Amino acid sequence: MIISLAMAERELLSVRGLKTYFFTRRGVVKAVDGVDLSLDEGKTLGLVGESGCGKSVTALSILRLVPRPRGRIVGGEIRYQGKNLLDFPEEEMRRIRGGEIGMVFQEPMTSLNPVFSIGDQLLEAITVHHRMSRREAKERAIELLSAVGFPDPVLRLKNYPHQLSGGMRQRVMIAIALAGEPRVLIADEPTTALDVTIQAQILDLIQRLKEERGLSVIFITHNLGIVASFADEVAVMYAGRIVERAEVEAIFHSPLHPYTRGLLESVPRPSSDHLHPIPGSVPTEEVPGCPFHPRCREAMEVCRDTLPPLLTLPEGREVRCWLYG
């Protein structure tokens, strides 16, 4: 009992059996289909997988931002500090969004309003969660821009999104996500479309802010290499489900699921002139059995007609594959 209480104290956010479906004219798209995740206080969880596997929909579901009416959370629980966010009224969820759980979206140019200055958008994010005068909010905005690496924050408040580089816009998005002083930060592909040098700067910034502010982070990416030195635990997602979850060292040193191994093999290496991509693509329609079997070199007959369960192995890691059944 003492052990379970200690674990409960560490676990800040947990997702259990989450199902988010989109109801379209062509039928039901099961974007997230029974996802289990947990985030411990002060830790970083890397959520990894190809585009279209359900990572971003999982993040939007946590904040209850799934676009309606076509998209709906149809099952599961999202527990923050022990309380199910799916039971909260919308007014309470507005306090949670940005206040308790901040999110950095994938593309800042579609998230930032082009007709408002950076200062106006940052001040709005601050005043939504804090009662303070405009002068106090402006001082807070300057502090946030300075914290995310702007050398001239006072001048930048007057800039519009199009006047900033991609890396600077992403820093603004991080500042807005921190405006409510959240405990959890969800970063959805924050380095997409940035060059390698700027990617490294953004990753270093998130890591520094995590340590300084005691944040717990869910870092979403399609690139396993990015989370190698950044995450404490990695969950690999495919076709709306978690297929493997383990500590980051275990994922990189002894990946179990064929999909995880394929992702690692497809990362470019200086020592090799050849890439080893995974054949095919993430299915857009439901596949009988294991959804990865059409692309899997190790597929067996059982994989074609029966979905494997998510197995918990003796060492504590999880894998959804008949190779270990």
C-alpha atoms as a PDB file:
ATOM      1  CA  MET A   1       0.000   0.000   0.000  1.00  0.00           C
ATOM      2  CA  ILE A   2       2.860   2.353   0.819  1.00  0.00           C
ATOM      3  CA  ILE A   3       4.402   1.671  -2.599  1.00  0.00           C
ATOM      4  CA  SER A   4       1.137   2.360  -4.446  1.00  0.00           C
ATOM      5  CA  LEU A   5       0.645   5.638  -2.571  1.00  0.00           C
ATOM      6  CA  ALA A   6       4.181   6.743  -3.488  1.00  0.00           C
ATOM      7  CA  MET A   7       3.514   5.920  -7.134  1.00  0.00           C
ATOM      8  CA  ALA A   8       0.249   7.877  -7.021  1.00  0.00           C
ATOM      9  CA  GLU A   9       2.060  10.899  -5.651  1.00  0.00           C
ATOM     10  CA  ARG A  10       4.591  10.808  -8.496  1.00  0.00           C
ATOM     11  CA  GLU A  11       2.026  10.325 -11.268  1.00  0.00           C
ATOM     12  CA  LEU A  12       0.796  13.750 -12.319  1.00  0.00           C
ATOM     13  CA  LEU A  13      -1.120  12.900 -15.498  1.00  0.00           C
ATOM     14  CA  SER A  14      -2.468   9.571 -16.686  1.00  0.00           C
ATOM     15  CA  VAL A  15      -4.444   8.495 -19.729  1.00  0.00           C
ATOM     16  CA  ARG A  16      -6.338   5.206 -19.553  1.00  0.00           C
ATOM     17  CA  GLY A  17      -8.130   3.525 -22.456  1.00  0.00           C
ATOM     18  CA  LEU A  18      -8.470   6.802 -24.379  1.00  0.00           C
ATOM     19  CA  LYS A  19     -10.535   6.532 -27.562  1.00  0.00           C
ATOM     20  CA  THR A  20     -10.983   9.513 -29.871  1.00  0.00           C
ATOM     21  CA  TYR A  21     -12.936   8.883 -33.066  1.00  0.00           C
ATOM     22  CA  PHE A  22     -13.808  11.036 -36.074  1.00  0.00           C
ATOM     23  CA  PHE A  23     -17.207  10.452 -37.633  1.00  0.00           C
ATOM     24  CA  THR A  24     -16.966  11.208 -41.354  1.00  0.00           C
ATOM     25  CA  ARG A  25     -19.108  10.535 -44.406  1.00  0.00           C
ATOM     26  CA  ARG A  26     -16.799   7.653 -45.289  1.00  0.00           C
ATOM     27  CA  GLY A  27     -17.146   6.078 -41.872  1.00  0.00           C
ATOM     28  CA  VAL A  28     -15.550   6.152 -38.423  1.00  0.00           C
ATOM     29  CA  VAL A  29     -11.821   6.966 -38.178  1.00  0.00           C
ATOM     30  CA  LYS A  30     -10.353   5.614 -34.938  1.00  0.00           C
ATOM     31  CA  ALA A  31      -7.563   8.169 -34.579  1.00  0.00           C
ATOM     32  CA  VAL A  32      -6.859   7.143 -30.976  1.00  0.00           C
ATOM     33  CA  ASP A  33      -8.030   3.677 -30.043  1.00  0.00           C
ATOM     34  CA  GLY A  34      -7.351   2.676 -26.446  1.00  0.00           C
ATOM     35  CA  VAL A  35      -4.227   4.629 -25.503  1.00  0.00           C
ATOM     36  CA  ASP A  36      -2.661   4.308 -22.041  1.00  0.00           C
ATOM     37  CA  LEU A  37      -0.029   6.852 -20.958  1.00  0.00           C
ATOM     38  CA  SER A  38       1.344   8.180 -17.691  1.00  0.00           C
ATOM     39  CA  LEU A  39       3.508  11.184 -16.885  1.00  0.00           C
ATOM     40  CA  ASP A  40       5.379  11.368 -13.584  1.00  0.00           C
ATOM     41  CA  GLU A  41       6.137  14.664 -11.890  1.00  0.00           C
ATOM     42  CA  GLY A  42       9.329  16.276 -13.168  1.00  0.00           C
ATOM     43  CA  LYS A  43       9.781  13.735 -15.968  1.00  0.00           C
ATOM     44  CA  THR A  44       9.730  13.900 -19.766  1.00  0.00           C
ATOM     45  CA  LEU A  45       7.696  11.410 -21.792  1.00  0.00           C
ATOM     46  CA  GLY A  46       8.564  11.146 -25.482  1.00  0.00           C
ATOM     47  CA  LEU A  47       5.568  10.202 -27.664  1.00  0.00           C
ATOM     48  CA  VAL A  48       6.993   8.932 -30.946  1.00  0.00           C
ATOM     49  CA  GLY A  49       5.566   7.742 -34.245  1.00  0.00           C
ATOM     50  CA  GLU A  50       5.060   8.600 -37.909  1.00  0.00           C
ATOM     51  CA  SER A  51       2.719  11.337 -39.066  1.00  0.00           C
ATOM     52  CA  GLY A  52      -0.877  10.128 -38.923  1.00  0.00           C
ATOM     53  CA  CYS A  53      -0.421   7.672 -36.055  1.00  0.00           C
ATOM     54  CA  GLY A  54      -2.515   9.685 -33.569  1.00  0.00           C
ATOM     55  CA  LYS A  55       0.080  11.591 -31.528  1.00  0.00           C
ATOM     56  CA  SER A  56      -1.367  15.069 -32.009  1.00  0.00           C
ATOM     57  CA  VAL A  57      -4.945  13.855 -31.536  1.00  0.00           C
ATOM     58  CA  THR A  58      -3.857  12.332 -28.224  1.00  0.00           C
ATOM     59  CA  ALA A  59      -2.454  15.716 -27.143  1.00  0.00           C
ATOM     60  CA  LEU A  60      -5.602  17.573 -28.244  1.00  0.00           C
ATOM     61  CA  SER A  61      -7.715  15.004 -26.411  1.00  0.00           C
ATOM     62  CA  ILE A  62      -5.850  15.638 -23.145  1.00  0.00           C
ATOM     63  CA  LEU A  63      -6.841  19.308 -23.382  1.00  0.00           C
ATOM     64  CA  ARG A  64     -10.293  18.459 -24.777  1.00  0.00           C
ATOM     65  CA  LEU A  65      -9.586  20.421 -27.953  1.00  0.00           C
ATOM     66  CA  VAL A  66     -10.660  17.733 -30.429  1.00  0.00           C
ATOM     67  CA  PRO A  67     -12.505  19.538 -33.257  1.00  0.00           C
ATOM     68  CA  ARG A  68     -16.244  18.952 -33.013  1.00  0.00           C
ATOM     69  CA  PRO A  69     -18.725  17.857 -34.201  1.00  0.00           C
ATOM     70  CA  ARG A  70     -16.884  15.203 -36.199  1.00  0.00           C
ATOM     71  CA  GLY A  71     -14.287  14.447 -33.554  1.00  0.00           C
ATOM     72  CA  ARG A  72     -15.317  13.042 -30.175  1.00  0.00           C
ATOM     73  CA  ILE A  73     -13.706  11.356 -27.191  1.00  0.00           C
ATOM     74  CA  VAL A  74     -15.816   8.207 -26.933  1.00  0.00           C
ATOM     75  CA  GLY A  75     -14.055   6.329 -24.141  1.00  0.00           C
ATOM     76  CA  GLY A  76     -11.399   6.260 -21.472  1.00  0.00           C
ATOM     77  CA  GLU A  77     -10.148   8.581 -18.756  1.00  0.00           C
ATOM     78  CA  ILE A  78      -7.728  11.523 -18.623  1.00  0.00           C
ATOM     79  CA  ARG A  79      -6.700  11.997 -15.010  1.00  0.00           C
ATOM     80  CA  TYR A  80      -4.808  15.057 -13.841  1.00  0.00           C
ATOM     81  CA  GLN A  81      -3.841  14.962 -10.157  1.00  0.00           C
ATOM     82  CA  GLY A  82      -6.316  12.121  -9.726  1.00  0.00           C
ATOM     83  CA  LYS A  83      -9.319  13.919 -11.268  1.00  0.00           C
ATOM     84  CA  ASN A  84     -10.844  12.908 -14.601  1.00  0.00           C
ATOM     85  CA  LEU A  85     -10.698  15.898 -16.948  1.00  0.00           C
ATOM     86  CA  LEU A  86     -13.512  14.417 -19.030  1.00  0.00           C
ATOM     87  CA  ASP A  87     -15.881  15.112 -16.110  1.00  0.00           C
ATOM     88  CA  PHE A  88     -14.934  18.800 -15.880  1.00  0.00           C
ATOM     89  CA  PRO A  89     -17.344  21.493 -17.138  1.00  0.00           C
ATOM     90  CA  GLU A  90     -16.001  23.610 -19.987  1.00  0.00           C
ATOM     91  CA  GLU A  91     -15.437  26.615 -17.703  1.00  0.00           C
ATOM     92  CA  GLU A  92     -13.127  24.556 -15.486  1.00  0.00           C
ATOM     93  CA  MET A  93     -11.307  23.179 -18.553  1.00  0.00           C
ATOM     94  CA  ARG A  94     -10.523  26.729 -19.676  1.00  0.00           C
ATOM     95  CA  ARG A  95      -8.695  27.174 -16.376  1.00  0.00           C
ATOM     96  CA  ILE A  96      -6.794  23.918 -16.896  1.00  0.00           C
ATOM     97  CA  ARG A  97      -5.761  24.790 -20.469  1.00  0.00           C
ATOM     98  CA  GLY A  98      -2.736  27.022 -20.230  1.00  0.00           C
ATOM     99  CA  GLY A  99      -3.079  27.316 -16.466  1.00  0.00           C
ATOM    100  CA  GLU A 100      -2.247  23.766 -15.377  1.00  0.00           C
ATOM    101  CA  ILE A 101      -1.373  22.219 -18.756  1.00  0.00           C
ATOM    102  CA  GLY A 102       0.338  24.342 -21.413  1.00  0.00           C
ATOM    103  CA  MET A 103       0.773  23.320 -25.032  1.00  0.00           C
ATOM    104  CA  VAL A 104       3.223  24.319 -27.745  1.00  0.00           C
ATOM    105  CA  PHE A 105       1.576  23.645 -31.081  1.00  0.00           C
ATOM    106  CA  GLN A 106       3.278  22.236 -34.138  1.00  0.00           C
ATOM    107  CA  GLU A 107       3.195  25.218 -36.501  1.00  0.00           C
ATOM    108  CA  PRO A 108       3.404  28.679 -34.909  1.00  0.00           C
ATOM    109  CA  MET A 109       2.311  30.529 -38.054  1.00  0.00           C
ATOM    110  CA  THR A 110      -1.101  28.821 -37.876  1.00  0.00           C
ATOM    111  CA  SER A 111      -1.325  29.219 -34.084  1.00  0.00           C
ATOM    112  CA  LEU A 112      -0.323  32.883 -33.810  1.00  0.00           C
ATOM    113  CA  ASN A 113      -2.812  35.481 -35.021  1.00  0.00           C
ATOM    114  CA  PRO A 114      -1.192  37.432 -37.891  1.00  0.00           C
ATOM    115  CA  VAL A 115      -3.146  40.657 -37.218  1.00  0.00           C
ATOM    116  CA  PHE A 116      -2.150  41.025 -33.559  1.00  0.00           C
ATOM    117  CA  SER A 117       1.282  41.877 -32.224  1.00  0.00           C
ATOM    118  CA  ILE A 118       3.309  39.405 -30.202  1.00  0.00           C
ATOM    119  CA  GLY A 119       2.772  41.600 -27.149  1.00  0.00           C
ATOM    120  CA  ASP A 120      -1.029  41.624 -27.495  1.00  0.00           C
ATOM    121  CA  GLN A 121      -1.182  37.834 -27.830  1.00  0.00           C
ATOM    122  CA  LEU A 122       1.136  37.265 -24.906  1.00  0.00           C
ATOM    123  CA  LEU A 123      -0.732  39.758 -22.708  1.00  0.00           C
ATOM    124  CA  GLU A 124      -4.020  38.006 -23.490  1.00  0.00           C
ATOM    125  CA  ALA A 125      -2.561  34.646 -22.434  1.00  0.00           C
ATOM    126  CA  ILE A 126      -1.306  36.164 -19.186  1.00  0.00           C
ATOM    127  CA  THR A 127      -4.498  38.002 -18.205  1.00  0.00           C
ATOM    128  CA  VAL A 128      -6.689  34.935 -18.889  1.00  0.00           C
ATOM    129  CA  HIS A 129      -4.978  33.112 -16.013  1.00  0.00           C
ATOM    130  CA  HIS A 130      -3.799  35.938 -13.743  1.00  0.00           C
ATOM    131  CA  ARG A 131      -5.582  38.958 -12.326  1.00  0.00           C
ATOM    132  CA  MET A 132      -3.221  41.841 -12.876  1.00  0.00           C
ATOM    133  CA  SER A 133      -3.113  45.297 -14.418  1.00  0.00           C
ATOM    134  CA  ARG A 134      -2.004  45.821 -18.000  1.00  0.00           C
ATOM    135  CA  ARG A 135       1.260  47.281 -16.734  1.00  0.00           C
ATOM    136  CA  GLU A 136       1.929  44.217 -14.573  1.00  0.00           C
ATOM    137  CA  ALA A 137       0.983  41.939 -17.473  1.00  0.00           C
ATOM    138  CA  LYS A 138       3.383  43.776 -19.762  1.00  0.00           C
ATOM    139  CA  GLU A 139       6.205  43.356 -17.251  1.00  0.00           C
ATOM    140  CA  ARG A 140       5.345  39.658 -17.042  1.00  0.00           C
ATOM    141  CA  ALA A 141       5.365  39.402 -20.861  1.00  0.00           C
ATOM    142  CA  ILE A 142       8.831  40.952 -20.989  1.00  0.00           C
ATOM    143  CA  GLU A 143      10.032  38.461 -18.359  1.00  0.00           C
ATOM    144  CA  LEU A 144       8.650  35.533 -20.373  1.00  0.00           C
ATOM    145  CA  LEU A 145      10.219  36.676 -23.648  1.00  0.00           C
ATOM    146  CA  SER A 146      13.516  37.097 -21.836  1.00  0.00           C
ATOM    147  CA  ALA A 147      13.155  33.618 -20.306  1.00  0.00           C
ATOM    148  CA  VAL A 148      12.731  32.015 -23.740  1.00  0.00           C
ATOM    149  CA  GLY A 149      15.828  33.711 -25.113  1.00  0.00           C
ATOM    150  CA  PHE A 150      14.812  37.046 -26.688  1.00  0.00           C
ATOM    151  CA  PRO A 151      17.711  39.515 -26.279  1.00  0.00           C
ATOM    152  CA  ASP A 152      15.450  42.565 -26.826  1.00  0.00           C
ATOM    153  CA  PRO A 153      12.050  41.594 -25.368  1.00  0.00           C
ATOM    154  CA  VAL A 154      10.703  45.147 -25.035  1.00  0.00           C
ATOM    155  CA  LEU A 155      11.105  45.808 -28.757  1.00  0.00           C
ATOM    156  CA  ARG A 156       9.804  42.373 -29.760  1.00  0.00           C
ATOM    157  CA  LEU A 157       6.469  42.997 -28.051  1.00  0.00           C
ATOM    158  CA  LYS A 158       5.611  45.315 -30.957  1.00  0.00           C
ATOM    159  CA  ASN A 159       6.488  42.777 -33.657  1.00  0.00           C
ATOM    160  CA  TYR A 160       3.954  40.787 -35.651  1.00  0.00           C
ATOM    161  CA  PRO A 161       4.421  37.044 -36.322  1.00  0.00           C
ATOM    162  CA  HIS A 162       5.552  37.567 -39.933  1.00  0.00           C
ATOM    163  CA  GLN A 163       8.410  39.770 -38.715  1.00  0.00           C
ATOM    164  CA  LEU A 164       9.982  36.914 -36.761  1.00  0.00           C
ATOM    165  CA  SER A 165      11.972  33.896 -37.912  1.00  0.00           C
ATOM    166  CA  GLY A 166      10.609  30.382 -37.448  1.00  0.00           C
ATOM    167  CA  GLY A 167      12.729  29.789 -34.371  1.00  0.00           C
ATOM    168  CA  MET A 168      11.682  33.086 -32.798  1.00  0.00           C
ATOM    169  CA  ARG A 169       8.000  32.354 -33.464  1.00  0.00           C
ATOM    170  CA  GLN A 170       8.388  29.015 -31.732  1.00  0.00           C
ATOM    171  CA  ARG A 171       9.968  30.785 -28.743  1.00  0.00           C
ATOM    172  CA  VAL A 172       6.893  33.035 -28.609  1.00  0.00           C
ATOM    173  CA  MET A 173       4.675  29.936 -28.593  1.00  0.00           C
ATOM    174  CA  ILE A 174       6.667  28.538 -25.673  1.00  0.00           C
ATOM    175  CA  ALA A 175       6.329  31.863 -23.817  1.00  0.00           C
ATOM    176  CA  ILE A 176       2.540  31.800 -24.364  1.00  0.00           C
ATOM    177  CA  ALA A 177       2.385  28.181 -23.146  1.00  0.00           C
ATOM    178  CA  LEU A 178       4.215  29.234 -19.963  1.00  0.00           C
ATOM    179  CA  ALA A 179       2.066  32.330 -19.355  1.00  0.00           C
ATOM    180  CA  GLY A 180      -0.272  30.516 -16.980  1.00  0.00           C
ATOM    181  CA  GLU A 181       2.621  28.914 -15.074  1.00  0.00           C
ATOM    182  CA  PRO A 182       1.605  25.324 -15.919  1.00  0.00           C
ATOM    183  CA  ARG A 183       2.892  22.164 -14.265  1.00  0.00           C
ATOM    184  CA  VAL A 184       2.639  20.132 -17.489  1.00  0.00           C
ATOM    185  CA  LEU A 185       3.960  21.226 -20.885  1.00  0.00           C
ATOM    186  CA  ILE A 186       2.883  19.376 -24.039  1.00  0.00           C
ATOM    187  CA  ALA A 187       5.229  20.114 -26.954  1.00  0.00           C
ATOM    188  CA  ASP A 188       3.751  18.893 -30.246  1.00  0.00           C
ATOM    189  CA  GLU A 189       6.528  18.620 -32.852  1.00  0.00           C
ATOM    190  CA  PRO A 190       8.021  21.972 -31.726  1.00  0.00           C
ATOM    191  CA  THR A 191      11.053  21.638 -34.023  1.00  0.00           C
ATOM    192  CA  THR A 192       9.185  20.861 -37.262  1.00  0.00           C
ATOM    193  CA  ALA A 193      10.420  22.887 -40.270  1.00  0.00           C
ATOM    194  CA  LEU A 194      13.345  24.344 -38.304  1.00  0.00           C
ATOM    195  CA  ASP A 195      16.940  23.822 -39.364  1.00  0.00           C
ATOM    196  CA  VAL A 196      19.171  21.582 -37.260  1.00  0.00           C
ATOM    197  CA  THR A 197      20.871  24.416 -35.368  1.00  0.00           C
ATOM    198  CA  ILE A 198      17.574  26.059 -34.377  1.00  0.00           C
ATOM    199  CA  GLN A 199      16.125  22.636 -33.483  1.00  0.00           C
ATOM    200  CA  ALA A 200      18.949  22.125 -30.990  1.00  0.00           C
ATOM    201  CA  GLN A 201      18.352  25.593 -29.497  1.00  0.00           C
ATOM    202  CA  ILE A 202      14.621  24.926 -29.014  1.00  0.00           C
ATOM    203  CA  LEU A 203      15.321  21.536 -27.418  1.00  0.00           C
ATOM    204  CA  ASP A 204      17.903  23.072 -25.086  1.00  0.00           C
ATOM    205  CA  LEU A 205      15.413  25.821 -24.197  1.00  0.00           C
ATOM    206  CA  ILE A 206      12.650  23.353 -23.294  1.00  0.00           C
ATOM    207  CA  GLN A 207      15.081  21.293 -21.229  1.00  0.00           C
ATOM    208  CA  ARG A 208      16.317  24.390 -19.360  1.00  0.00           C
ATOM    209  CA  LEU A 209      12.783  25.622 -18.673  1.00  0.00           C
ATOM    210  CA  LYS A 210      11.800  22.160 -17.458  1.00  0.00           C
ATOM    211  CA  GLU A 211      14.623  22.145 -14.934  1.00  0.00           C
ATOM    212  CA  GLU A 212      14.155  25.766 -13.822  1.00  0.00           C
ATOM    213  CA  ARG A 213      10.377  25.569 -13.437  1.00  0.00           C
ATOM    214  CA  GLY A 214       9.976  21.935 -12.408  1.00  0.00           C
ATOM    215  CA  LEU A 215       7.855  21.118 -15.446  1.00  0.00           C
ATOM    216  CA  SER A 216       6.645  17.693 -16.488  1.00  0.00           C
ATOM    217  CA  VAL A 217       6.836  17.395 -20.285  1.00  0.00           C
ATOM    218  CA  ILE A 218       5.131  15.349 -22.992  1.00  0.00           C
ATOM    219  CA  PHE A 219       7.316  15.729 -26.069  1.00  0.00           C
ATOM    220  CA  ILE A 220       5.699  14.620 -29.333  1.00  0.00           C
ATOM    221  CA  THR A 221       7.880  13.870 -32.339  1.00  0.00           C
ATOM    222  CA  HIS A 222       8.215  11.552 -35.338  1.00  0.00           C
ATOM    223  CA  ASN A 223      11.977  11.351 -34.789  1.00  0.00           C
ATOM    224  CA  LEU A 224      13.314   8.931 -32.193  1.00  0.00           C
ATOM    225  CA  GLY A 225      16.737  10.544 -32.469  1.00  0.00           C
ATOM    226  CA  ILE A 226      15.426  13.814 -31.012  1.00  0.00           C
ATOM    227  CA  VAL A 227      14.330  12.197 -27.745  1.00  0.00           C
ATOM    228  CA  ALA A 228      17.533  10.160 -27.277  1.00  0.00           C
ATOM    229  CA  SER A 229      19.040  12.579 -24.763  1.00  0.00           C
ATOM    230  CA  PHE A 230      15.851  14.425 -23.868  1.00  0.00           C
ATOM    231  CA  ALA A 231      13.215  11.982 -22.594  1.00  0.00           C
ATOM    232  CA  ASP A 232      13.112   9.785 -19.503  1.00  0.00           C
ATOM    233  CA  GLU A 233      10.565   7.399 -21.005  1.00  0.00           C
ATOM    234  CA  VAL A 234       9.403   6.755 -24.573  1.00  0.00           C
ATOM    235  CA  ALA A 235       5.994   5.589 -25.800  1.00  0.00           C
ATOM    236  CA  VAL A 236       5.939   4.470 -29.437  1.00  0.00           C
ATOM    237  CA  MET A 237       2.588   4.942 -31.160  1.00  0.00           C
ATOM    238  CA  TYR A 238       1.232   3.333 -34.317  1.00  0.00           C
ATOM    239  CA  ALA A 239      -2.253   3.514 -35.863  1.00  0.00           C
ATOM    240  CA  GLY A 240      -3.865   5.000 -32.758  1.00  0.00           C
ATOM    241  CA  ARG A 241      -2.317   2.609 -30.229  1.00  0.00           C
ATOM    242  CA  ILE A 242       0.799   2.401 -28.063  1.00  0.00           C
ATOM    243  CA  VAL A 243       2.939  -0.477 -29.391  1.00  0.00           C
ATOM    244  CA  GLU A 244       5.892  -0.137 -27.027  1.00  0.00           C
ATOM    245  CA  ARG A 245       6.721   1.805 -23.885  1.00  0.00           C
ATOM    246  CA  ALA A 246       9.951   1.747 -21.895  1.00  0.00           C
ATOM    247  CA  GLU A 247      12.690   3.894 -20.422  1.00  0.00           C
ATOM    248  CA  VAL A 248      14.660   5.724 -23.082  1.00  0.00           C
ATOM    249  CA  GLU A 249      17.840   3.637 -22.628  1.00  0.00           C
ATOM    250  CA  ALA A 250      15.904   0.399 -23.116  1.00  0.00           C
ATOM    251  CA  ILE A 251      14.222   1.680 -26.272  1.00  0.00           C
ATOM    252  CA  PHE A 252      17.527   2.599 -27.876  1.00  0.00           C
ATOM    253  CA  HIS A 253      19.616  -0.341 -26.666  1.00  0.00           C
ATOM    254  CA  SER A 254      17.080  -3.151 -27.024  1.00  0.00           C
ATOM    255  CA  PRO A 255      13.938  -2.158 -28.969  1.00  0.00           C
ATOM    256  CA  LEU A 256      11.351  -4.947 -28.944  1.00  0.00           C
ATOM    257  CA  HIS A 257       8.594  -4.063 -31.390  1.00  0.00           C
ATOM    258  CA  PRO A 258       9.424  -4.409 -35.115  1.00  0.00           C
ATOM    259  CA  TYR A 259       8.023  -0.911 -35.659  1.00  0.00           C
ATOM    260  CA  THR A 260      10.333   0.591 -33.028  1.00  0.00           C
ATOM    261  CA  ARG A 261      13.289  -1.189 -34.622  1.00  0.00           C
ATOM    262  CA  GLY A 262      12.207   0.130 -38.019  1.00  0.00           C
ATOM    263  CA  LEU A 263      12.075   3.705 -36.730  1.00  0.00           C
ATOM    264  CA  LEU A 264      15.573   3.392 -35.306  1.00  0.00           C
ATOM    265  CA  GLU A 265      16.949   1.836 -38.487  1.00  0.00           C
ATOM    266  CA  SER A 266      15.492   4.665 -40.583  1.00  0.00           C
ATOM    267  CA  VAL A 267      17.466   7.350 -38.682  1.00  0.00           C
ATOM    268  CA  PRO A 268      20.364   8.585 -40.906  1.00  0.00           C
ATOM    269  CA  ARG A 269      23.804   7.663 -39.587  1.00  0.00           C
ATOM    270  CA  PRO A 270      27.157   9.246 -40.507  1.00  0.00           C
ATOM    271  CA  SER A 271      28.723   5.782 -40.693  1.00  0.00           C
ATOM    272  CA  SER A 272      26.305   4.556 -43.364  1.00  0.00           C
ATOM    273  CA  ASP A 273      25.438   5.752 -46.858  1.00  0.00           C
ATOM    274  CA  HIS A 274      22.192   3.780 -46.939  1.00  0.00           C
ATOM    275  CA  LEU A 275      18.798   4.514 -45.392  1.00  0.00           C
ATOM    276  CA  HIS A 276      16.542   1.692 -44.269  1.00  0.00           C
ATOM    277  CA  PRO A 277      13.009   3.114 -44.454  1.00  0.00           C
ATOM    278  CA  ILE A 278       9.964   1.193 -43.289  1.00  0.00           C
ATOM    279  CA  PRO A 279       8.044   0.114 -46.419  1.00  0.00           C
ATOM    280  CA  GLY A 280       4.497   1.417 -46.888  1.00  0.00           C
ATOM    281  CA  SER A 281       2.724   3.972 -44.722  1.00  0.00           C
ATOM    282  CA  VAL A 282       0.463   4.253 -41.688  1.00  0.00           C
ATOM    283  CA  PRO A 283      -2.967   2.805 -42.651  1.00  0.00           C
ATOM    284  CA  THR A 284      -5.804   5.284 -43.079  1.00  0.00           C
ATOM    285  CA  GLU A 285      -8.450   2.573 -42.629  1.00  0.00           C
ATOM    286  CA  GLU A 286      -8.821  -0.101 -39.977  1.00  0.00           C
ATOM    287  CA  VAL A 287      -6.637  -3.165 -40.598  1.00  0.00           C
ATOM    288  CA  PRO A 288      -7.653  -6.578 -39.218  1.00  0.00           C
ATOM    289  CA  GLY A 289      -5.264  -8.056 -36.681  1.00  0.00           C
ATOM    290  CA  CYS A 290      -2.105  -6.117 -35.903  1.00  0.00           C
ATOM    291  CA  PRO A 291      -2.241  -2.872 -37.928  1.00  0.00           C
ATOM    292  CA  PHE A 292       1.528  -3.056 -38.542  1.00  0.00           C
ATOM    293  CA  HIS A 293       1.493  -6.538 -40.083  1.00  0.00           C
ATOM    294  CA  PRO A 294       1.312  -5.355 -43.761  1.00  0.00           C
ATOM    295  CA  ARG A 295       4.653  -3.558 -43.238  1.00  0.00           C
ATOM    296  CA  CYS A 296       6.278  -6.012 -40.834  1.00  0.00           C
ATOM    297  CA  ARG A 297       9.103  -8.335 -41.913  1.00  0.00           C
ATOM    298  CA  GLU A 298       8.389 -10.618 -38.956  1.00  0.00           C
ATOM    299  CA  ALA A 299       4.606 -10.942 -39.372  1.00  0.00           C
ATOM    300  CA  MET A 300       3.087 -14.330 -38.539  1.00  0.00           C
ATOM    301  CA  GLU A 301      -0.303 -15.802 -39.387  1.00  0.00           C
ATOM    302  CA  VAL A 302      -1.778 -14.746 -36.026  1.00  0.00           C
ATOM    303  CA  CYS A 303      -0.781 -11.136 -36.736  1.00  0.00           C
ATOM    304  CA  ARG A 304      -3.120 -11.013 -39.737  1.00  0.00           C
ATOM    305  CA  ASP A 305      -6.343 -11.708 -37.865  1.00  0.00           C
ATOM    306  CA  THR A 306      -5.851 -11.024 -34.126  1.00  0.00           C
ATOM    307  CA  LEU A 307      -4.817  -7.774 -32.450  1.00  0.00           C
ATOM    308  CA  PRO A 308      -2.072  -8.448 -29.880  1.00  0.00           C
ATOM    309  CA  PRO A 309      -2.654  -7.173 -26.334  1.00  0.00           C
ATOM    310  CA  LEU A 310      -0.337  -4.674 -24.672  1.00  0.00           C
ATOM    311  CA  LEU A 311       1.896  -6.972 -22.630  1.00  0.00           C
ATOM    312  CA  THR A 312       3.766  -5.910 -19.502  1.00  0.00           C
ATOM    313  CA  LEU A 313       7.095  -7.739 -19.362  1.00  0.00           C
ATOM    314  CA  PRO A 314       8.930  -8.700 -16.152  1.00  0.00           C
ATOM    315  CA  GLU A 315      11.307  -5.726 -16.431  1.00  0.00           C
ATOM    316  CA  GLY A 316       8.333  -3.329 -16.455  1.00  0.00           C
ATOM    317  CA  ARG A 317       8.374  -2.327 -20.117  1.00  0.00           C
ATOM    318  CA  GLU A 318       5.331  -2.791 -22.350  1.00  0.00           C
ATOM    319  CA  VAL A 319       5.007  -4.112 -25.897  1.00  0.00           C
ATOM    320  CA  ARG A 320       2.075  -4.930 -28.185  1.00  0.00           C
ATOM    321  CA  CYS A 321       3.386  -7.759 -30.372  1.00  0.00           C
ATOM    322  CA  TRP A 322       2.750 -11.501 -30.819  1.00  0.00           C
ATOM    323  CA  LEU A 323       6.504 -12.117 -30.872  1.00  0.00           C
ATOM    324  CA  TYR A 324       6.341 -11.804 -27.085  1.00  0.00           C
ATOM    325  CA  GLY A 325       2.936 -13.401 -26.512  1.00  0.00           C
END
